[in-house]
Amino acid sequence: MKLDKPDPSVRVSVGYAAVPAKGREGYETEFNLLVYDNENGMLLETIVNRAFDYWRELYAEAGYIEGRYIDGEAGS
């Protein structure tokens, strides 16, 4: 794939915030990439997760992959 002409309505910025530290007192800085299409912003992580889910479902429907394994200890 090749992008000949960038879309001026799409831009990326870095967002950051102080969040409570995990497992200790105090705060740490969390960074996120935000992608804007016009004025609608979304975390890059969300975009990548949605793309992954789309391709996984498409390949599953085509019979290239089986359903996802669900572990009894999920979420731990």
PDB file of N, CA and C in Angstrom:
ATOM      1  N   MET A   1       0.843  -1.181   0.000  1.00  0.00           N
ATOM      2  CA  MET A   1       0.000   0.000   0.000  1.00  0.00           C
ATOM      3  C   MET A   1       0.881   1.235   0.000  1.00  0.00           C
ATOM      4  N   LYS A   2       0.389   2.246  -0.661  1.00  0.00           N
ATOM      5  CA  LYS A   2       1.161   3.475  -0.758  1.00  0.00           C
ATOM      6  C   LYS A   2       0.221   4.670  -0.597  1.00  0.00           C
ATOM      7  N   LEU A   3       0.656   5.619   0.176  1.00  0.00           N
ATOM      8  CA  LEU A   3      -0.118   6.835   0.378  1.00  0.00           C
ATOM      9  C   LEU A   3       0.537   7.950  -0.418  1.00  0.00           C
ATOM     10  N   ASP A   4      -0.082   8.325  -1.531  1.00  0.00           N
ATOM     11  CA  ASP A   4       0.489   9.364  -2.384  1.00  0.00           C
ATOM     12  C   ASP A   4       0.240  10.764  -1.843  1.00  0.00           C
ATOM     13  N   LYS A   5      -0.929  10.938  -1.253  1.00  0.00           N
ATOM     14  CA  LYS A   5      -1.322  12.274  -0.804  1.00  0.00           C
ATOM     15  C   LYS A   5      -1.925  12.178   0.599  1.00  0.00           C
ATOM     16  N   PRO A   6      -1.261  12.705   1.614  1.00  0.00           N
ATOM     17  CA  PRO A   6      -1.805  12.636   2.984  1.00  0.00           C
ATOM     18  C   PRO A   6      -3.160  13.342   3.089  1.00  0.00           C
ATOM     19  N   ASP A   7      -4.006  12.814   3.937  1.00  0.00           N
ATOM     20  CA  ASP A   7      -5.321  13.405   4.183  1.00  0.00           C
ATOM     21  C   ASP A   7      -5.173  14.473   5.258  1.00  0.00           C
ATOM     22  N   PRO A   8      -5.432  15.736   4.935  1.00  0.00           N
ATOM     23  CA  PRO A   8      -5.243  16.809   5.921  1.00  0.00           C
ATOM     24  C   PRO A   8      -6.224  16.759   7.098  1.00  0.00           C
ATOM     25  N   SER A   9      -7.296  15.973   6.971  1.00  0.00           N
ATOM     26  CA  SER A   9      -8.260  15.898   8.073  1.00  0.00           C
ATOM     27  C   SER A   9      -7.834  14.884   9.134  1.00  0.00           C
ATOM     28  N   VAL A  10      -6.763  14.120   8.869  1.00  0.00           N
ATOM     29  CA  VAL A  10      -6.287  13.125   9.826  1.00  0.00           C
ATOM     30  C   VAL A  10      -4.996  13.629  10.466  1.00  0.00           C
ATOM     31  N   ARG A  11      -4.966  13.580  11.800  1.00  0.00           N
ATOM     32  CA  ARG A  11      -3.757  13.998  12.514  1.00  0.00           C
ATOM     33  C   ARG A  11      -3.603  13.138  13.760  1.00  0.00           C
ATOM     34  N   VAL A  12      -2.401  13.125  14.302  1.00  0.00           N
ATOM     35  CA  VAL A  12      -2.094  12.323  15.487  1.00  0.00           C
ATOM     36  C   VAL A  12      -1.470  13.230  16.534  1.00  0.00           C
ATOM     37  N   SER A  13      -1.827  13.019  17.786  1.00  0.00           N
ATOM     38  CA  SER A  13      -1.198  13.768  18.867  1.00  0.00           C
ATOM     39  C   SER A  13      -0.926  12.819  20.027  1.00  0.00           C
ATOM     40  N   VAL A  14      -0.067  13.264  20.932  1.00  0.00           N
ATOM     41  CA  VAL A  14       0.259  12.482  22.126  1.00  0.00           C
ATOM     42  C   VAL A  14      -0.500  13.087  23.296  1.00  0.00           C
ATOM     43  N   GLY A  15      -1.233  12.248  23.983  1.00  0.00           N
ATOM     44  CA  GLY A  15      -1.927  12.690  25.181  1.00  0.00           C
ATOM     45  C   GLY A  15      -1.275  12.054  26.391  1.00  0.00           C
ATOM     46  N   TYR A  16      -1.285  12.745  27.495  1.00  0.00           N
ATOM     47  CA  TYR A  16      -0.693  12.187  28.709  1.00  0.00           C
ATOM     48  C   TYR A  16      -1.464  12.675  29.918  1.00  0.00           C
ATOM     49  N   ALA A  17      -1.376  11.887  30.983  1.00  0.00           N
ATOM     50  CA  ALA A  17      -2.075  12.224  32.222  1.00  0.00           C
ATOM     51  C   ALA A  17      -1.361  11.556  33.390  1.00  0.00           C
ATOM     52  N   ALA A  18      -1.478  12.147  34.558  1.00  0.00           N
ATOM     53  CA  ALA A  18      -0.973  11.535  35.784  1.00  0.00           C
ATOM     54  C   ALA A  18      -2.043  10.575  36.279  1.00  0.00           C
ATOM     55  N   VAL A  19      -1.653   9.321  36.462  1.00  0.00           N
ATOM     56  CA  VAL A  19      -2.587   8.296  36.930  1.00  0.00           C
ATOM     57  C   VAL A  19      -2.001   7.640  38.168  1.00  0.00           C
ATOM     58  N   PRO A  20      -2.860   7.106  39.039  1.00  0.00           N
ATOM     59  CA  PRO A  20      -2.332   6.433  40.226  1.00  0.00           C
ATOM     60  C   PRO A  20      -1.382   5.302  39.833  1.00  0.00           C
ATOM     61  N   ALA A  21      -0.268   5.204  40.507  1.00  0.00           N
ATOM     62  CA  ALA A  21       0.728   4.165  40.232  1.00  0.00           C
ATOM     63  C   ALA A  21       0.180   2.804  40.644  1.00  0.00           C
ATOM     64  N   LYS A  22       0.513   1.801  39.871  1.00  0.00           N
ATOM     65  CA  LYS A  22       0.051   0.447  40.168  1.00  0.00           C
ATOM     66  C   LYS A  22       0.992  -0.207  41.171  1.00  0.00           C
ATOM     67  N   GLY A  23       0.426  -0.673  42.281  1.00  0.00           N
ATOM     68  CA  GLY A  23       1.216  -1.407  43.262  1.00  0.00           C
ATOM     69  C   GLY A  23       2.076  -0.558  44.174  1.00  0.00           C
ATOM     70  N   ARG A  24       1.939   0.736  44.111  1.00  0.00           N
ATOM     71  CA  ARG A  24       2.716   1.604  45.005  1.00  0.00           C
ATOM     72  C   ARG A  24       2.011   2.947  45.141  1.00  0.00           C
ATOM     73  N   GLU A  25       2.485   3.746  46.057  1.00  0.00           N
ATOM     74  CA  GLU A  25       1.883   5.069  46.260  1.00  0.00           C
ATOM     75  C   GLU A  25       2.372   6.039  45.205  1.00  0.00           C
ATOM     76  N   GLY A  26       1.612   7.094  45.019  1.00  0.00           N
ATOM     77  CA  GLY A  26       2.007   8.142  44.096  1.00  0.00           C
ATOM     78  C   GLY A  26       1.377   7.998  42.720  1.00  0.00           C
ATOM     79  N   TYR A  27       1.913   8.747  41.803  1.00  0.00           N
ATOM     80  CA  TYR A  27       1.370   8.787  40.449  1.00  0.00           C
ATOM     81  C   TYR A  27       2.469   8.503  39.435  1.00  0.00           C
ATOM     82  N   GLU A  28       2.049   8.070  38.254  1.00  0.00           N
ATOM     83  CA  GLU A  28       2.956   7.905  37.134  1.00  0.00           C
ATOM     84  C   GLU A  28       2.310   8.542  35.908  1.00  0.00           C
ATOM     85  N   THR A  29       3.113   8.838  34.920  1.00  0.00           N
ATOM     86  CA  THR A  29       2.589   9.468  33.719  1.00  0.00           C
ATOM     87  C   THR A  29       2.242   8.395  32.694  1.00  0.00           C
ATOM     88  N   GLU A  30       1.030   8.470  32.181  1.00  0.00           N
ATOM     89  CA  GLU A  30       0.574   7.542  31.152  1.00  0.00           C
ATOM     90  C   GLU A  30       0.476   8.302  29.830  1.00  0.00           C
ATOM     91  N   PHE A  31       1.059   7.746  28.786  1.00  0.00           N
ATOM     92  CA  PHE A  31       1.037   8.362  27.463  1.00  0.00           C
ATOM     93  C   PHE A  31       0.152   7.552  26.531  1.00  0.00           C
ATOM     94  N   ASN A  32      -0.565   8.242  25.658  1.00  0.00           N
ATOM     95  CA  ASN A  32      -1.408   7.593  24.663  1.00  0.00           C
ATOM     96  C   ASN A  32      -1.316   8.354  23.353  1.00  0.00           C
ATOM     97  N   LEU A  33      -1.395   7.619  22.241  1.00  0.00           N
ATOM     98  CA  LEU A  33      -1.482   8.253  20.932  1.00  0.00           C
ATOM     99  C   LEU A  33      -2.950   8.414  20.586  1.00  0.00           C
ATOM    100  N   LEU A  34      -3.313   9.617  20.194  1.00  0.00           N
ATOM    101  CA  LEU A  34      -4.684   9.923  19.806  1.00  0.00           C
ATOM    102  C   LEU A  34      -4.715  10.226  18.315  1.00  0.00           C
ATOM    103  N   VAL A  35      -5.628   9.575  17.592  1.00  0.00           N
ATOM    104  CA  VAL A  35      -5.774   9.793  16.159  1.00  0.00           C
ATOM    105  C   VAL A  35      -7.065  10.568  15.942  1.00  0.00           C
ATOM    106  N   TYR A  36      -6.960  11.673  15.224  1.00  0.00           N
ATOM    107  CA  TYR A  36      -8.119  12.511  14.932  1.00  0.00           C
ATOM    108  C   TYR A  36      -8.455  12.438  13.454  1.00  0.00           C
ATOM    109  N   ASP A  37      -9.718  12.193  13.146  1.00  0.00           N
ATOM    110  CA  ASP A  37     -10.248  12.263  11.785  1.00  0.00           C
ATOM    111  C   ASP A  37     -11.261  13.389  11.828  1.00  0.00           C
ATOM    112  N   ASN A  38     -10.920  14.501  11.208  1.00  0.00           N
ATOM    113  CA  ASN A  38     -11.627  15.764  11.404  1.00  0.00           C
ATOM    114  C   ASN A  38     -11.471  16.105  12.878  1.00  0.00           C
ATOM    115  N   GLU A  39     -12.542  16.192  13.622  1.00  0.00           N
ATOM    116  CA  GLU A  39     -12.424  16.517  15.045  1.00  0.00           C
ATOM    117  C   GLU A  39     -12.760  15.333  15.941  1.00  0.00           C
ATOM    118  N   ASN A  40     -12.995  14.162  15.353  1.00  0.00           N
ATOM    119  CA  ASN A  40     -13.322  12.966  16.124  1.00  0.00           C
ATOM    120  C   ASN A  40     -12.038  12.252  16.518  1.00  0.00           C
ATOM    121  N   GLY A  41     -11.758  12.206  17.816  1.00  0.00           N
ATOM    122  CA  GLY A  41     -10.539  11.584  18.301  1.00  0.00           C
ATOM    123  C   GLY A  41     -10.777  10.190  18.852  1.00  0.00           C
ATOM    124  N   MET A  42      -9.759   9.319  18.692  1.00  0.00           N
ATOM    125  CA  MET A  42      -9.841   7.959  19.210  1.00  0.00           C
ATOM    126  C   MET A  42      -8.429   7.498  19.567  1.00  0.00           C
ATOM    127  N   LEU A  43      -8.334   6.715  20.628  1.00  0.00           N
ATOM    128  CA  LEU A  43      -7.043   6.154  21.007  1.00  0.00           C
ATOM    129  C   LEU A  43      -6.557   5.196  19.925  1.00  0.00           C
ATOM    130  N   LEU A  44      -5.265   5.258  19.622  1.00  0.00           N
ATOM    131  CA  LEU A  44      -4.690   4.340  18.636  1.00  0.00           C
ATOM    132  C   LEU A  44      -4.909   2.890  19.070  1.00  0.00           C
ATOM    133  N   GLU A  45      -4.811   2.632  20.357  1.00  0.00           N
ATOM    134  CA  GLU A  45      -5.029   1.278  20.884  1.00  0.00           C
ATOM    135  C   GLU A  45      -6.413   0.757  20.495  1.00  0.00           C
ATOM    136  N   THR A  46      -7.435   1.602  20.557  1.00  0.00           N
ATOM    137  CA  THR A  46      -8.797   1.213  20.187  1.00  0.00           C
ATOM    138  C   THR A  46      -8.879   0.888  18.701  1.00  0.00           C
ATOM    139  N   ILE A  47      -8.232   1.703  17.876  1.00  0.00           N
ATOM    140  CA  ILE A  47      -8.247   1.476  16.430  1.00  0.00           C
ATOM    141  C   ILE A  47      -7.592   0.138  16.094  1.00  0.00           C
ATOM    142  N   VAL A  48      -6.435  -0.132  16.691  1.00  0.00           N
ATOM    143  CA  VAL A  48      -5.719  -1.382  16.426  1.00  0.00           C
ATOM    144  C   VAL A  48      -6.531  -2.578  16.914  1.00  0.00           C
ATOM    145  N   ASN A  49      -7.138  -2.488  18.089  1.00  0.00           N
ATOM    146  CA  ASN A  49      -7.956  -3.589  18.605  1.00  0.00           C
ATOM    147  C   ASN A  49      -9.153  -3.869  17.706  1.00  0.00           C
ATOM    148  N   ARG A  50      -9.809  -2.820  17.213  1.00  0.00           N
ATOM    149  CA  ARG A  50     -10.951  -3.005  16.311  1.00  0.00           C
ATOM    150  C   ARG A  50     -10.520  -3.639  14.994  1.00  0.00           C
ATOM    151  N   ALA A  51      -9.381  -3.221  14.469  1.00  0.00           N
ATOM    152  CA  ALA A  51      -8.875  -3.805  13.225  1.00  0.00           C
ATOM    153  C   ALA A  51      -8.558  -5.287  13.435  1.00  0.00           C
ATOM    154  N   PHE A  52      -7.921  -5.621  14.555  1.00  0.00           N
ATOM    155  CA  PHE A  52      -7.600  -7.012  14.863  1.00  0.00           C
ATOM    156  C   PHE A  52      -8.874  -7.845  14.946  1.00  0.00           C
ATOM    157  N   ASP A  53      -9.890  -7.336  15.665  1.00  0.00           N
ATOM    158  CA  ASP A  53     -11.152  -8.058  15.797  1.00  0.00           C
ATOM    159  C   ASP A  53     -11.804  -8.273  14.439  1.00  0.00           C
ATOM    160  N   TYR A  54     -11.775  -7.264  13.574  1.00  0.00           N
ATOM    161  CA  TYR A  54     -12.358  -7.364  12.232  1.00  0.00           C
ATOM    162  C   TYR A  54     -11.690  -8.483  11.435  1.00  0.00           C
ATOM    163  N   TRP A  55     -10.351  -8.484  11.395  1.00  0.00           N
ATOM    164  CA  TRP A  55      -9.631  -9.486  10.609  1.00  0.00           C
ATOM    165  C   TRP A  55      -9.787 -10.880  11.201  1.00  0.00           C
ATOM    166  N   ARG A  56      -9.805 -10.977  12.523  1.00  0.00           N
ATOM    167  CA  ARG A  56      -9.994 -12.275  13.164  1.00  0.00           C
ATOM    168  C   ARG A  56     -11.356 -12.855  12.795  1.00  0.00           C
ATOM    169  N   GLU A  57     -12.406 -12.034  12.854  1.00  0.00           N
ATOM    170  CA  GLU A  57     -13.752 -12.493  12.504  1.00  0.00           C
ATOM    171  C   GLU A  57     -13.846 -12.866  11.026  1.00  0.00           C
ATOM    172  N   LEU A  58     -13.232 -12.070  10.163  1.00  0.00           N
ATOM    173  CA  LEU A  58     -13.253 -12.352   8.730  1.00  0.00           C
ATOM    174  C   LEU A  58     -12.573 -13.689   8.434  1.00  0.00           C
ATOM    175  N   TYR A  59     -11.395 -13.921   9.032  1.00  0.00           N
ATOM    176  CA  TYR A  59     -10.680 -15.179   8.815  1.00  0.00           C
ATOM    177  C   TYR A  59     -11.437 -16.360   9.418  1.00  0.00           C
ATOM    178  N   ALA A  60     -12.098 -16.159  10.539  1.00  0.00           N
ATOM    179  CA  ALA A  60     -12.886 -17.230  11.149  1.00  0.00           C
ATOM    180  C   ALA A  60     -14.066 -17.596  10.250  1.00  0.00           C
ATOM    181  N   GLU A  61     -14.745 -16.597   9.706  1.00  0.00           N
ATOM    182  CA  GLU A  61     -15.876 -16.863   8.804  1.00  0.00           C
ATOM    183  C   GLU A  61     -15.422 -17.586   7.540  1.00  0.00           C
ATOM    184  N   ALA A  62     -14.229 -17.292   7.063  1.00  0.00           N
ATOM    185  CA  ALA A  62     -13.690 -17.932   5.860  1.00  0.00           C
ATOM    186  C   ALA A  62     -13.123 -19.315   6.161  1.00  0.00           C
ATOM    187  N   GLY A  63     -13.038 -19.699   7.438  1.00  0.00           N
ATOM    188  CA  GLY A  63     -12.558 -21.007   7.819  1.00  0.00           C
ATOM    189  C   GLY A  63     -11.049 -21.121   7.946  1.00  0.00           C
ATOM    190  N   TYR A  64     -10.352 -19.990   7.953  1.00  0.00           N
ATOM    191  CA  TYR A  64      -8.894 -20.020   8.082  1.00  0.00           C
ATOM    192  C   TYR A  64      -8.414 -20.184   9.517  1.00  0.00           C
ATOM    193  N   ILE A  65      -9.253 -19.769  10.476  1.00  0.00           N
ATOM    194  CA  ILE A  65      -8.894 -19.919  11.889  1.00  0.00           C
ATOM    195  C   ILE A  65     -10.093 -20.449  12.645  1.00  0.00           C
ATOM    196  N   GLU A  66      -9.831 -21.061  13.800  1.00  0.00           N
ATOM    197  CA  GLU A  66     -10.905 -21.563  14.644  1.00  0.00           C
ATOM    198  C   GLU A  66     -11.302 -20.491  15.647  1.00  0.00           C
ATOM    199  N   GLY A  67     -12.353 -20.764  16.384  1.00  0.00           N
ATOM    200  CA  GLY A  67     -12.796 -19.837  17.408  1.00  0.00           C
ATOM    201  C   GLY A  67     -11.716 -19.589  18.442  1.00  0.00           C
ATOM    202  N   ARG A  68     -11.849 -18.529  19.179  1.00  0.00           N
ATOM    203  CA  ARG A  68     -10.858 -18.147  20.172  1.00  0.00           C
ATOM    204  C   ARG A  68     -10.953 -19.038  21.403  1.00  0.00           C
ATOM    205  N   TYR A  69      -9.798 -19.477  21.918  1.00  0.00           N
ATOM    206  CA  TYR A  69      -9.743 -20.289  23.135  1.00  0.00           C
ATOM    207  C   TYR A  69     -10.092 -19.410  24.337  1.00  0.00           C
ATOM    208  N   ILE A  70     -10.963 -19.916  25.198  1.00  0.00           N
ATOM    209  CA  ILE A  70     -11.343 -19.185  26.406  1.00  0.00           C
ATOM    210  C   ILE A  70     -10.793 -19.950  27.586  1.00  0.00           C
ATOM    211  N   ASP A  71      -9.865 -19.341  28.299  1.00  0.00           N
ATOM    212  CA  ASP A  71      -9.220 -19.944  29.448  1.00  0.00           C
ATOM    213  C   ASP A  71     -10.073 -19.728  30.684  1.00  0.00           C
ATOM    214  N   GLY A  72     -10.118 -20.715  31.547  1.00  0.00           N
ATOM    215  CA  GLY A  72     -10.898 -20.613  32.771  1.00  0.00           C
ATOM    216  C   GLY A  72     -10.371 -19.552  33.732  1.00  0.00           C
ATOM    217  N   GLU A  73      -9.150 -19.088  33.513  1.00  0.00           N
ATOM    218  CA  GLU A  73      -8.564 -18.086  34.392  1.00  0.00           C
ATOM    219  C   GLU A  73      -8.482 -16.734  33.710  1.00  0.00           C
ATOM    220  N   ALA A  74      -9.324 -16.478  32.743  1.00  0.00           N
ATOM    221  CA  ALA A  74      -9.290 -15.192  32.036  1.00  0.00           C
ATOM    222  C   ALA A  74      -9.570 -14.066  33.019  1.00  0.00           C
ATOM    223  N   GLY A  75      -8.900 -12.958  32.788  1.00  0.00           N
ATOM    224  CA  GLY A  75      -9.093 -11.795  33.621  1.00  0.00           C
ATOM    225  C   GLY A  75      -8.225 -11.786  34.863  1.00  0.00           C
ATOM    226  N   SER A  76      -7.433 -12.823  35.065  1.00  0.00           N
ATOM    227  CA  SER A  76      -6.581 -12.836  36.257  1.00  0.00           C
ATOM    228  C   SER A  76      -5.199 -12.385  35.913  1.00  0.00           C
TER     229      SER A  76
END
